[in-house]
Amino acid sequence: MDVKTAKRRKLTDKSLPNVILQNPEFAEDSKMYQSLLDMERKLDWTMTRKRVDIQDSLSRTPTTTRTLRIFLSHTVSCQPWQTDEHANLENGENIPAWQFKIEGRLLELPNQRAKDKTPPRKFSTFIKRMVVELDRDTKLYPESNIVEWPRATGSQNPLMDGFTVRRTGDTPTAVRVVIFLDHYPEQFKVAPELGNILAIKEESRLGVVQALWSYIKINGLQDKADRRMVHANAELRPIFGGHETVPFAKLPEFVTRYLMPPEPILLHYQLDPSMLPPERPSAWDVEIKMEDAAAKARLGVLIQPNKEATVQITKMDEEIALLAQSLHNSHLKRTFLESFANDPALFIQTWLESQSRDLETILGSGPTEGLTVRQEELRRSEFFKLPWVEEAVAVQEGLRLAAKANQQQTT
């Protein structure tokens, strides 16, 4: 291991030695410290589990219900009450006409933060299909009384904030607007046979399946032995085609049989060119289900760790690990000095014998290898004053203390 790698190495073990934990003098403090470590592990596990849950939620786009406000209005031009000039059918000048406008916008949420606001969507993105029906005299206006706008992909239908229908005429006209909203996820009308059981009229396919599963769990219809099977009660038997038991995997198939296209939004507007148009447009509020971009952004922020907090926590962990290691080293020093204080002569004799064995091991000598280091040389104090002995003893003592520390941690 080179010097740079050694410098980058950091202590990570924050546990206390067992000898200190079992010492009566530190029993109370050690118990509190261990409780903090256990709480930290539980907190880390909970945060990790919540982060995984949020990541799983991000894989499923969050949805919300918003309010779409639709405006209907009209303007007129070249009407008899507006000009005294007669209509010129040859060049198309001064012909009475009117323009019918359909506009809409998404209402902002109350108390919404500025950073949660997203760029407003165009009105046409909320509509899957729209039909405008003009109820007027077919003898005078036999054509162009039905206008249909089906949304298509690409540049064929550019994004628009509204629609305008222009027609010639000066007679009152009843306008009927049929709008098929583009919900996300796609909504379906639930047939009364299933809707009355689940108490829902309109929902997404997944929502209906979840409602049916909730009904099964509440009524205890899941087989206790084989959890993959579902029993039918008197209400669900017709839904399941008369079967008494059906597998759980077939529930979406049964649900699909009772899903129908949703009811469109119907708006009625009275257009009278012989009068001055209203100053304010008529407005209708309708609910639409759509992707919740703000919630998705908030969830994304939750799983991204705060850089400053992460650095601070890492620094504190390193300090705790360093203090735990310092406490361990202090315990080894205390044990060493206590042994010396109790019986200095025996301690020195034992220590010299230990160092002698360690020195023989370092030099590769011993009883079976010719006894290179003679016993009489070991008895002389001058032998231990040689320049290489101090370094050898320091190395060996470091290895011994490290091995002893590892053994205490494992036990």
Protein backbone atom coordinates (compact mmCIF):
# COMPACT_ATOMS: atom_id res chain seq x y z
CA MET A 1 0.00 0.00 0.00
CA ASP A 2 1.52 3.35 -1.01
CA VAL A 3 1.55 6.51 1.10
CA LYS A 4 -1.28 8.23 -0.81
CA THR A 5 -3.59 5.26 -0.38
CA ALA A 6 -2.81 5.11 3.31
CA LYS A 7 -3.67 8.78 3.71
CA ARG A 8 -7.01 8.36 1.97
CA ARG A 9 -7.94 5.43 4.21
CA LYS A 10 -10.60 6.42 6.73
CA LEU A 11 -11.84 4.77 9.90
CA THR A 12 -15.40 3.49 9.64
CA ASP A 13 -15.83 1.27 12.71
CA LYS A 14 -17.77 3.17 15.39
CA SER A 15 -18.30 0.25 17.79
CA LEU A 16 -16.69 0.12 21.21
CA PRO A 17 -14.44 -2.75 22.37
CA ASN A 18 -16.24 -5.48 24.30
CA VAL A 19 -13.93 -4.97 27.28
CA ILE A 20 -15.16 -1.39 27.64
CA LEU A 21 -18.81 -2.38 27.13
CA GLN A 22 -18.50 -4.97 29.91
CA ASN A 23 -16.68 -2.65 32.28
CA PRO A 24 -19.02 -1.65 35.18
CA GLU A 25 -17.48 1.83 35.30
CA PHE A 26 -18.72 2.61 31.78
CA ALA A 27 -21.89 0.46 31.77
CA GLU A 28 -24.40 3.33 31.67
CA ASP A 29 -22.51 5.41 29.09
CA SER A 30 -21.80 2.35 26.95
CA LYS A 31 -25.48 1.39 26.99
CA MET A 32 -26.51 4.87 25.84
CA TYR A 33 -23.91 4.82 23.06
CA GLN A 34 -25.05 1.39 21.86
CA SER A 35 -28.67 2.62 21.86
CA LEU A 36 -27.64 5.52 19.64
CA LEU A 37 -25.90 3.15 17.23
CA ASP A 38 -28.97 0.90 17.09
CA MET A 39 -31.22 3.89 16.47
CA GLU A 40 -28.88 5.10 13.71
CA ARG A 41 -29.01 1.70 11.99
CA LYS A 42 -32.82 1.63 12.18
CA LEU A 43 -33.03 5.18 10.85
CA ASP A 44 -30.69 4.37 7.96
CA TRP A 45 -32.76 1.30 7.12
CA THR A 46 -36.02 3.28 7.22
CA MET A 47 -34.60 6.04 5.02
CA THR A 48 -33.31 3.50 2.52
CA ARG A 49 -36.70 1.77 2.38
CA LYS A 50 -38.51 5.08 1.92
CA ARG A 51 -36.09 6.08 -0.82
CA VAL A 52 -36.81 2.81 -2.63
CA ASP A 53 -40.56 3.43 -2.26
CA ILE A 54 -40.18 6.90 -3.75
CA GLN A 55 -38.12 5.56 -6.64
CA ASP A 56 -40.84 3.00 -7.25
CA SER A 57 -43.43 5.77 -7.21
CA LEU A 58 -41.41 7.75 -9.74
CA SER A 59 -41.56 4.78 -12.10
CA ARG A 60 -45.35 5.25 -12.05
CA THR A 61 -46.23 8.76 -13.16
CA PRO A 62 -48.21 10.53 -10.40
CA THR A 63 -51.59 11.90 -11.45
CA THR A 64 -53.87 14.61 -10.16
CA THR A 65 -57.29 16.09 -10.89
CA ARG A 66 -57.27 19.69 -12.12
CA THR A 67 -59.93 22.12 -13.25
CA LEU A 68 -60.12 23.11 -16.91
CA ARG A 69 -62.08 26.30 -17.57
CA ILE A 70 -63.65 26.46 -21.04
CA PHE A 71 -64.76 29.79 -22.53
CA LEU A 72 -67.35 30.19 -25.31
CA SER A 73 -67.85 33.53 -27.03
CA HIS A 74 -68.67 35.06 -30.41
CA THR A 75 -68.17 38.18 -32.43
CA VAL A 76 -70.11 39.55 -35.41
CA SER A 77 -69.22 41.61 -38.48
CA CYS A 78 -71.10 43.41 -41.25
CA GLN A 79 -74.47 42.80 -39.63
CA PRO A 80 -77.40 45.02 -40.72
CA TRP A 81 -77.36 46.84 -37.37
CA GLN A 82 -73.62 47.51 -37.79
CA THR A 83 -73.53 49.02 -41.32
CA ASP A 84 -75.85 50.66 -43.79
CA GLU A 85 -74.08 49.24 -46.81
CA HIS A 86 -75.66 46.37 -48.66
CA ALA A 87 -73.93 43.02 -49.08
CA ASN A 88 -72.10 42.54 -52.37
CA LEU A 89 -72.36 38.86 -53.25
CA GLU A 90 -70.13 39.22 -56.31
CA ASN A 91 -66.99 40.36 -54.53
CA GLY A 92 -67.92 39.07 -51.06
CA GLU A 93 -67.88 42.45 -49.35
CA ASN A 94 -70.21 43.50 -46.51
CA ILE A 95 -71.61 39.98 -46.14
CA PRO A 96 -73.01 39.44 -42.62
CA ALA A 97 -70.84 36.95 -40.71
CA TRP A 98 -69.99 35.79 -37.20
CA GLN A 99 -67.09 34.02 -35.47
CA PHE A 100 -67.60 31.46 -32.72
CA LYS A 101 -64.63 30.96 -30.36
CA ILE A 102 -63.77 28.07 -28.05
CA GLU A 103 -60.92 28.74 -25.63
CA GLY A 104 -59.70 27.21 -22.41
CA ARG A 105 -57.02 27.26 -19.77
CA LEU A 106 -56.05 25.26 -16.72
CA LEU A 107 -56.80 26.98 -13.42
CA GLU A 108 -53.86 27.47 -11.11
CA LEU A 109 -53.80 25.70 -7.78
CA PRO A 110 -54.36 27.87 -4.71
CA ASN A 111 -51.27 28.66 -2.62
CA GLN A 112 -48.99 27.08 -5.22
CA ARG A 113 -45.32 27.86 -4.81
CA ALA A 114 -43.64 29.72 -7.64
CA LYS A 115 -41.01 27.01 -8.11
CA ASP A 116 -43.74 24.35 -8.47
CA LYS A 117 -45.39 26.15 -11.35
CA THR A 118 -44.95 24.60 -14.77
CA PRO A 119 -45.33 26.20 -18.20
CA PRO A 120 -49.03 26.31 -19.12
CA ARG A 121 -50.22 23.71 -21.59
CA LYS A 122 -52.06 24.63 -24.75
CA PHE A 123 -55.82 24.11 -24.71
CA SER A 124 -55.70 21.71 -27.63
CA THR A 125 -53.51 19.27 -25.64
CA PHE A 126 -56.43 18.57 -23.27
CA ILE A 127 -58.78 17.57 -26.09
CA LYS A 128 -58.84 14.23 -27.81
CA ARG A 129 -61.70 15.05 -30.17
CA MET A 130 -64.20 17.90 -30.53
CA VAL A 131 -67.37 18.36 -32.57
CA VAL A 132 -69.20 21.66 -33.09
CA GLU A 133 -72.81 21.34 -34.28
CA LEU A 134 -74.63 24.40 -35.68
CA ASP A 135 -78.42 24.27 -35.47
CA ARG A 136 -79.64 26.62 -38.20
CA ASP A 137 -81.91 26.60 -41.23
CA THR A 138 -80.54 23.98 -43.64
CA LYS A 139 -82.38 25.60 -46.56
CA LEU A 140 -80.41 28.77 -46.16
CA TYR A 141 -77.20 27.13 -44.94
CA PRO A 142 -77.18 23.54 -46.19
CA GLU A 143 -73.45 22.90 -45.68
CA SER A 144 -70.74 23.22 -43.03
CA ASN A 145 -73.10 22.85 -40.08
CA ILE A 146 -70.92 20.23 -38.38
CA VAL A 147 -67.27 20.91 -37.65
CA GLU A 148 -65.08 18.12 -36.29
CA TRP A 149 -61.56 18.35 -34.93
CA PRO A 150 -59.82 15.03 -34.30
CA ARG A 151 -56.39 15.44 -32.78
CA ALA A 152 -53.56 13.86 -34.69
CA THR A 153 -49.87 13.55 -34.00
CA GLY A 154 -47.21 15.58 -35.70
CA SER A 155 -47.56 18.93 -37.42
CA GLN A 156 -51.04 18.18 -38.80
CA ASN A 157 -52.59 19.55 -35.61
CA PRO A 158 -50.35 22.25 -34.09
CA LEU A 159 -50.79 23.21 -30.45
CA MET A 160 -53.41 25.93 -30.06
CA ASP A 161 -54.94 28.01 -27.29
CA GLY A 162 -58.38 27.96 -28.87
CA PHE A 163 -60.56 27.27 -31.91
CA THR A 164 -62.56 29.64 -34.10
CA VAL A 165 -65.48 28.75 -36.39
CA ARG A 166 -66.31 31.41 -38.99
CA ARG A 167 -69.62 31.38 -40.85
CA THR A 168 -71.76 33.80 -42.83
CA GLY A 169 -75.30 34.60 -41.75
CA ASP A 170 -77.46 36.90 -39.69
CA THR A 171 -79.95 34.44 -38.14
CA PRO A 172 -79.83 33.17 -34.54
CA THR A 173 -77.94 29.88 -34.23
CA ALA A 174 -77.89 27.30 -31.45
CA VAL A 175 -74.41 25.86 -31.02
CA ARG A 176 -73.73 22.48 -29.44
CA VAL A 177 -70.14 21.66 -28.52
CA VAL A 178 -69.14 18.04 -27.86
CA ILE A 179 -65.71 17.66 -26.25
CA PHE A 180 -63.90 14.39 -25.57
CA LEU A 181 -61.21 15.15 -23.01
CA ASP A 182 -57.79 13.52 -23.11
CA HIS A 183 -57.40 12.23 -19.53
CA TYR A 184 -54.23 10.71 -18.14
CA PRO A 185 -54.54 7.88 -17.38
CA GLU A 186 -57.31 7.09 -19.85
CA GLN A 187 -60.75 7.15 -18.23
CA PHE A 188 -63.63 4.76 -18.88
CA LYS A 189 -67.30 4.71 -18.03
CA VAL A 190 -68.08 1.76 -15.78
CA ALA A 191 -71.20 -0.22 -16.68
CA PRO A 192 -73.93 -0.07 -14.00
CA GLU A 193 -73.65 -3.84 -13.36
CA LEU A 194 -70.13 -3.34 -11.98
CA GLY A 195 -70.31 0.35 -11.11
CA ASN A 196 -73.15 -0.13 -8.62
CA ILE A 197 -71.14 -2.80 -6.79
CA LEU A 198 -67.96 -0.71 -6.58
CA ALA A 199 -69.76 2.66 -6.22
CA ILE A 200 -67.87 4.22 -9.13
CA LYS A 201 -69.12 5.63 -12.42
CA GLU A 202 -65.96 6.66 -14.22
CA GLU A 203 -62.38 5.61 -13.55
CA SER A 204 -59.20 4.37 -15.20
CA ARG A 205 -58.75 0.68 -15.96
CA LEU A 206 -56.22 0.30 -13.14
CA GLY A 207 -58.47 2.22 -10.76
CA VAL A 208 -61.38 -0.14 -11.42
CA VAL A 209 -59.19 -3.20 -10.87
CA GLN A 210 -57.91 -1.74 -7.59
CA ALA A 211 -61.47 -0.96 -6.47
CA LEU A 212 -62.54 -4.52 -7.26
CA TRP A 213 -59.57 -5.91 -5.34
CA SER A 214 -60.44 -3.72 -2.34
CA TYR A 215 -64.02 -5.03 -2.49
CA ILE A 216 -62.71 -8.62 -2.52
CA LYS A 217 -60.46 -8.04 0.49
CA ILE A 218 -63.15 -6.22 2.50
CA ASN A 219 -65.64 -9.03 1.93
CA GLY A 220 -63.08 -11.79 2.56
CA LEU A 221 -63.49 -13.40 -0.86
CA GLN A 222 -59.84 -14.38 -1.28
CA ASP A 223 -59.24 -18.10 -0.84
CA LYS A 224 -57.43 -18.77 2.44
CA ALA A 225 -55.51 -21.78 1.18
CA ASP A 226 -54.68 -20.63 -2.36
CA ARG A 227 -54.31 -16.85 -2.26
CA ARG A 228 -54.31 -16.72 -6.07
CA MET A 229 -58.00 -17.68 -6.22
CA VAL A 230 -61.01 -15.44 -5.61
CA HIS A 231 -64.48 -16.62 -4.63
CA ALA A 232 -67.59 -14.99 -6.07
CA ASN A 233 -70.44 -13.85 -3.84
CA ALA A 234 -73.99 -13.21 -5.04
CA GLU A 235 -73.04 -9.75 -6.42
CA LEU A 236 -69.85 -10.78 -8.22
CA ARG A 237 -71.14 -14.06 -9.65
CA PRO A 238 -72.73 -12.35 -12.72
CA ILE A 239 -69.55 -10.28 -13.17
CA PHE A 240 -67.45 -13.47 -13.20
CA GLY A 241 -69.68 -15.10 -15.80
CA GLY A 242 -71.38 -17.42 -13.32
CA HIS A 243 -68.09 -18.94 -12.05
CA GLU A 244 -67.84 -19.65 -8.35
CA THR A 245 -64.05 -19.25 -8.27
CA VAL A 246 -61.77 -17.34 -10.62
CA PRO A 247 -57.98 -16.77 -10.58
CA PHE A 248 -56.74 -13.35 -9.54
CA ALA A 249 -54.91 -12.93 -12.87
CA LYS A 250 -58.25 -12.86 -14.73
CA LEU A 251 -59.71 -9.93 -12.82
CA PRO A 252 -58.52 -7.36 -15.41
CA GLU A 253 -60.16 -9.43 -18.14
CA PHE A 254 -63.54 -9.40 -16.34
CA VAL A 255 -63.19 -5.68 -15.62
CA THR A 256 -62.54 -4.84 -19.28
CA ARG A 257 -65.90 -6.30 -20.27
CA TYR A 258 -67.67 -3.59 -18.26
CA LEU A 259 -65.65 -0.59 -19.42
CA MET A 260 -67.06 1.79 -22.02
CA PRO A 261 -65.94 5.07 -23.56
CA PRO A 262 -66.57 7.98 -21.19
CA GLU A 263 -69.37 10.46 -21.68
CA PRO A 264 -68.25 13.59 -23.56
CA ILE A 265 -68.60 17.13 -22.27
CA LEU A 266 -71.69 18.80 -23.76
CA LEU A 267 -71.84 22.61 -23.93
CA HIS A 268 -74.73 24.64 -25.35
CA TYR A 269 -74.38 28.21 -26.57
CA GLN A 270 -76.91 30.57 -28.13
CA LEU A 271 -75.52 32.85 -30.83
CA ASP A 272 -77.66 35.79 -32.01
CA PRO A 273 -75.97 38.00 -34.66
CA SER A 274 -78.77 40.57 -34.49
CA MET A 275 -77.61 41.64 -31.03
CA LEU A 276 -74.43 43.00 -29.55
CA PRO A 277 -72.29 40.07 -28.29
CA PRO A 278 -71.88 39.73 -24.49
CA GLU A 279 -68.94 41.61 -22.99
CA ARG A 280 -67.76 38.51 -21.13
CA PRO A 281 -67.55 34.99 -22.51
CA SER A 282 -69.56 32.13 -21.04
CA ALA A 283 -67.45 29.81 -18.91
CA TRP A 284 -67.70 26.18 -17.80
CA ASP A 285 -65.43 24.34 -15.36
CA VAL A 286 -64.71 20.66 -16.00
CA GLU A 287 -62.41 18.26 -14.18
CA ILE A 288 -59.60 16.56 -16.01
CA LYS A 289 -57.08 13.97 -14.81
CA MET A 290 -53.53 14.68 -15.83
CA GLU A 291 -49.91 14.04 -14.96
CA ASP A 292 -48.78 15.78 -11.78
CA ALA A 293 -45.45 17.22 -12.86
CA ALA A 294 -45.00 19.17 -9.62
CA ALA A 295 -45.42 16.05 -7.47
CA LYS A 296 -42.96 14.16 -9.64
CA ALA A 297 -40.43 16.96 -9.25
CA ARG A 298 -40.91 17.02 -5.47
CA LEU A 299 -40.44 13.25 -5.24
CA GLY A 300 -37.30 13.56 -7.33
CA VAL A 301 -35.89 16.11 -4.88
CA LEU A 302 -36.58 13.80 -1.91
CA ILE A 303 -34.37 11.00 -3.20
CA GLN A 304 -31.50 13.37 -4.01
CA PRO A 305 -29.37 13.76 -0.88
CA ASN A 306 -28.50 17.23 0.28
CA LYS A 307 -24.82 17.76 -0.48
CA GLU A 308 -24.08 19.92 2.57
CA ALA A 309 -25.92 17.54 4.93
CA THR A 310 -24.13 14.53 3.44
CA VAL A 311 -20.72 16.16 3.92
CA GLN A 312 -21.59 17.10 7.49
CA ILE A 313 -22.84 13.60 8.36
CA THR A 314 -19.74 12.00 6.82
CA LYS A 315 -17.50 14.33 8.81
CA MET A 316 -19.31 13.48 12.05
CA ASP A 317 -19.08 9.73 11.31
CA GLU A 318 -15.34 10.06 10.80
CA GLU A 319 -14.98 11.95 14.09
CA ILE A 320 -16.96 9.31 15.97
CA ALA A 321 -14.91 6.50 14.44
CA LEU A 322 -11.69 8.34 15.32
CA LEU A 323 -12.84 8.81 18.93
CA ALA A 324 -13.84 5.13 19.17
CA GLN A 325 -10.38 4.11 17.92
CA SER A 326 -8.74 6.56 20.35
CA LEU A 327 -10.78 5.03 23.19
CA HIS A 328 -9.62 1.58 22.14
CA ASN A 329 -5.97 2.68 22.09
CA SER A 330 -6.37 4.31 25.50
CA HIS A 331 -7.75 1.08 26.88
CA LEU A 332 -4.71 -0.83 25.60
CA LYS A 333 -2.38 1.72 27.21
CA ARG A 334 -4.27 1.51 30.48
CA THR A 335 -4.06 -2.29 30.51
CA PHE A 336 -0.34 -2.10 29.80
CA LEU A 337 0.33 0.39 32.62
CA GLU A 338 -1.93 -1.41 35.13
CA SER A 339 -0.05 -4.67 34.55
CA PHE A 340 3.26 -2.86 35.09
CA ALA A 341 2.02 -1.14 38.27
CA ASN A 342 0.72 -4.33 39.88
CA ASP A 343 4.00 -6.30 39.59
CA PRO A 344 6.83 -4.45 37.82
CA ALA A 345 9.41 -7.27 38.04
CA LEU A 346 7.08 -9.96 36.74
CA PHE A 347 5.78 -7.62 34.06
CA ILE A 348 9.30 -6.77 32.81
CA GLN A 349 10.31 -10.43 32.82
CA THR A 350 7.20 -11.46 30.95
CA TRP A 351 7.58 -8.60 28.56
CA LEU A 352 11.24 -9.41 27.83
CA GLU A 353 10.37 -13.04 27.18
CA SER A 354 7.64 -11.96 24.82
CA GLN A 355 9.90 -9.54 23.00
CA SER A 356 12.59 -12.22 22.77
CA ARG A 357 10.21 -14.60 21.05
CA ASP A 358 9.03 -11.83 18.76
CA LEU A 359 12.59 -10.88 17.92
CA GLU A 360 13.48 -14.47 17.04
CA THR A 361 10.46 -14.60 14.79
CA ILE A 362 11.51 -11.38 13.05
CA LEU A 363 15.06 -12.59 12.52
CA GLY A 364 13.87 -15.97 11.26
CA SER A 365 15.61 -17.86 14.08
CA GLY A 366 14.54 -20.15 16.86
CA PRO A 367 15.14 -23.48 18.57
CA THR A 368 14.55 -25.38 15.32
CA GLU A 369 16.68 -23.10 13.19
CA GLY A 370 20.05 -23.23 14.90
CA LEU A 371 19.34 -20.63 17.59
CA THR A 372 21.10 -17.84 15.72
CA VAL A 373 20.49 -15.40 18.58
CA ARG A 374 22.32 -16.95 21.54
CA GLN A 375 20.81 -16.95 25.03
CA GLU A 376 23.85 -15.29 26.57
CA GLU A 377 23.51 -12.41 24.07
CA LEU A 378 19.90 -11.96 25.07
CA ARG A 379 20.93 -11.58 28.71
CA ARG A 380 23.18 -8.61 27.93
CA SER A 381 21.50 -5.18 27.96
CA GLU A 382 23.91 -3.92 25.29
CA PHE A 383 22.32 -6.29 22.80
CA PHE A 384 18.99 -4.43 23.02
CA LYS A 385 20.71 -1.08 22.44
CA LEU A 386 21.70 -1.97 18.89
CA PRO A 387 20.24 0.50 16.28
CA TRP A 388 17.97 -2.05 14.54
CA VAL A 389 16.42 -3.45 17.75
CA GLU A 390 14.27 -0.41 18.54
CA GLU A 391 12.77 -0.40 15.07
CA ALA A 392 12.15 -4.16 15.13
CA VAL A 393 10.47 -3.99 18.54
CA ALA A 394 8.26 -1.07 17.44
CA VAL A 395 7.14 -2.95 14.35
CA GLN A 396 6.43 -6.15 16.24
CA GLU A 397 4.60 -4.36 19.06
CA GLY A 398 2.41 -2.54 16.53
CA LEU A 399 1.52 -5.81 14.85
CA ARG A 400 0.75 -7.44 18.18
CA LEU A 401 -1.50 -4.61 19.37
CA ALA A 402 -3.36 -4.55 16.05
CA ALA A 403 -3.93 -8.31 16.17
CA LYS A 404 -5.13 -8.08 19.75
CA ALA A 405 -7.49 -5.22 18.91
CA ASN A 406 -8.98 -7.18 16.01
CA GLN A 407 -9.45 -10.22 18.24
CA GLN A 408 -11.30 -8.17 20.87
CA GLN A 409 -13.56 -6.62 18.24
CA THR A 410 -14.50 -10.00 16.80
CA THR A 411 -15.25 -11.44 20.25
